[in-house]
Amino acid sequence: MTMQLIRVGVREFREDLAEYLDSPAPVAITRHGRTVGYYIPANGVPDEQEVLALRRAVEQIEAVLAEHGISEEEVVREFRARRGRS
């Protein structure tokens, strides 16, 4: 069963975190209308459909990175830089 992606702002995600943790649907977390992260629930053992959906998600992320000329190394550097600011 494929779940519809939910889009929520950072503040709403933080305020309703328990609800999203209990939900089987993946969540795109946005700030000022731009996606800044994803929450992908890992409830139990994924079935074949879930694994296929995750593979498609990875393919889509790779395509977006390639389209914008962004390498995995750049993503990791940006993540580490932002994480260091916390």
Protein backbone atom coordinates (compact mmCIF):
# COMPACT_ATOMS: atom_id res chain seq x y z
CA MET A 1 0.00 0.00 0.00
CA THR A 2 1.49 3.33 -1.12
CA MET A 3 0.82 6.31 1.15
CA GLN A 4 0.30 9.84 -0.09
CA LEU A 5 3.10 12.23 0.87
CA ILE A 6 2.01 14.79 3.46
CA ARG A 7 3.53 18.31 3.30
CA VAL A 8 3.76 20.32 6.53
CA GLY A 9 5.68 23.28 7.81
CA VAL A 10 8.45 22.88 10.35
CA ARG A 11 6.41 24.44 13.14
CA GLU A 12 3.39 22.21 12.50
CA PHE A 13 5.61 19.12 12.28
CA ARG A 14 7.23 19.98 15.61
CA GLU A 15 3.92 20.75 17.32
CA ASP A 16 2.20 17.57 16.06
CA LEU A 17 5.25 15.30 16.12
CA ALA A 18 3.54 12.49 18.06
CA GLU A 19 0.76 12.35 15.47
CA TYR A 20 3.24 12.12 12.58
CA LEU A 21 5.28 9.45 14.39
CA ASP A 22 2.13 7.30 14.61
CA SER A 23 1.17 7.89 10.99
CA PRO A 24 2.20 5.43 8.25
CA ALA A 25 2.46 8.27 5.69
CA PRO A 26 5.78 9.92 4.78
CA VAL A 27 6.04 13.64 5.51
CA ALA A 28 7.80 16.39 3.54
CA ILE A 29 8.82 19.08 6.00
CA THR A 30 8.88 22.60 4.59
CA ARG A 31 10.18 26.01 5.61
CA HIS A 32 8.85 29.04 3.75
CA GLY A 33 7.37 26.72 1.11
CA ARG A 34 10.64 24.88 0.39
CA THR A 35 11.17 21.27 1.39
CA VAL A 36 13.93 21.02 3.98
CA GLY A 37 13.60 17.35 4.92
CA TYR A 38 11.57 14.20 4.96
CA TYR A 39 10.26 11.95 7.69
CA ILE A 40 9.80 8.40 6.45
CA PRO A 41 8.20 6.15 9.07
CA ALA A 42 9.66 2.71 9.60
CA ASN A 43 6.77 0.92 11.26
CA GLY A 44 7.51 -2.79 11.44
CA VAL A 45 8.88 -4.81 8.57
CA PRO A 46 8.28 -3.12 5.22
CA ASP A 47 6.34 -5.13 2.68
CA GLU A 48 7.38 -5.44 -0.95
CA GLN A 49 5.29 -2.43 -2.01
CA GLU A 50 6.93 -0.23 0.62
CA VAL A 51 10.40 -1.31 -0.47
CA LEU A 52 9.53 -0.50 -4.08
CA ALA A 53 8.17 2.90 -3.02
CA LEU A 54 11.38 3.65 -1.12
CA ARG A 55 13.44 2.66 -4.16
CA ARG A 56 11.36 5.00 -6.33
CA ALA A 57 11.85 7.78 -3.79
CA VAL A 58 15.61 7.27 -3.91
CA GLU A 59 15.52 7.36 -7.72
CA GLN A 60 13.53 10.61 -7.61
CA ILE A 61 15.94 12.20 -5.13
CA GLU A 62 18.90 11.14 -7.28
CA ALA A 63 17.20 12.63 -10.36
CA VAL A 64 16.60 15.97 -8.61
CA LEU A 65 20.20 16.10 -7.43
CA ALA A 66 21.45 15.32 -10.95
CA GLU A 67 19.08 17.88 -12.50
CA HIS A 68 20.52 20.59 -10.26
CA GLY A 69 24.12 19.38 -10.55
CA ILE A 70 24.36 18.56 -6.84
CA SER A 71 26.66 15.75 -5.73
CA GLU A 72 26.11 13.46 -2.76
CA GLU A 73 29.25 14.93 -1.22
CA GLU A 74 27.74 18.42 -1.42
CA VAL A 75 24.60 17.20 0.32
CA VAL A 76 26.67 15.62 3.10
CA ARG A 77 28.78 18.78 3.51
CA GLU A 78 25.64 20.95 3.69
CA PHE A 79 24.03 18.59 6.18
CA ARG A 80 27.11 18.61 8.39
CA ALA A 81 27.43 22.39 8.17
CA ARG A 82 23.78 22.92 9.15
CA ARG A 83 23.96 20.28 11.86
CA GLY A 84 27.03 22.01 13.32
CA ARG A 85 25.03 25.23 13.70
CA SER A 86 22.51 23.61 16.03
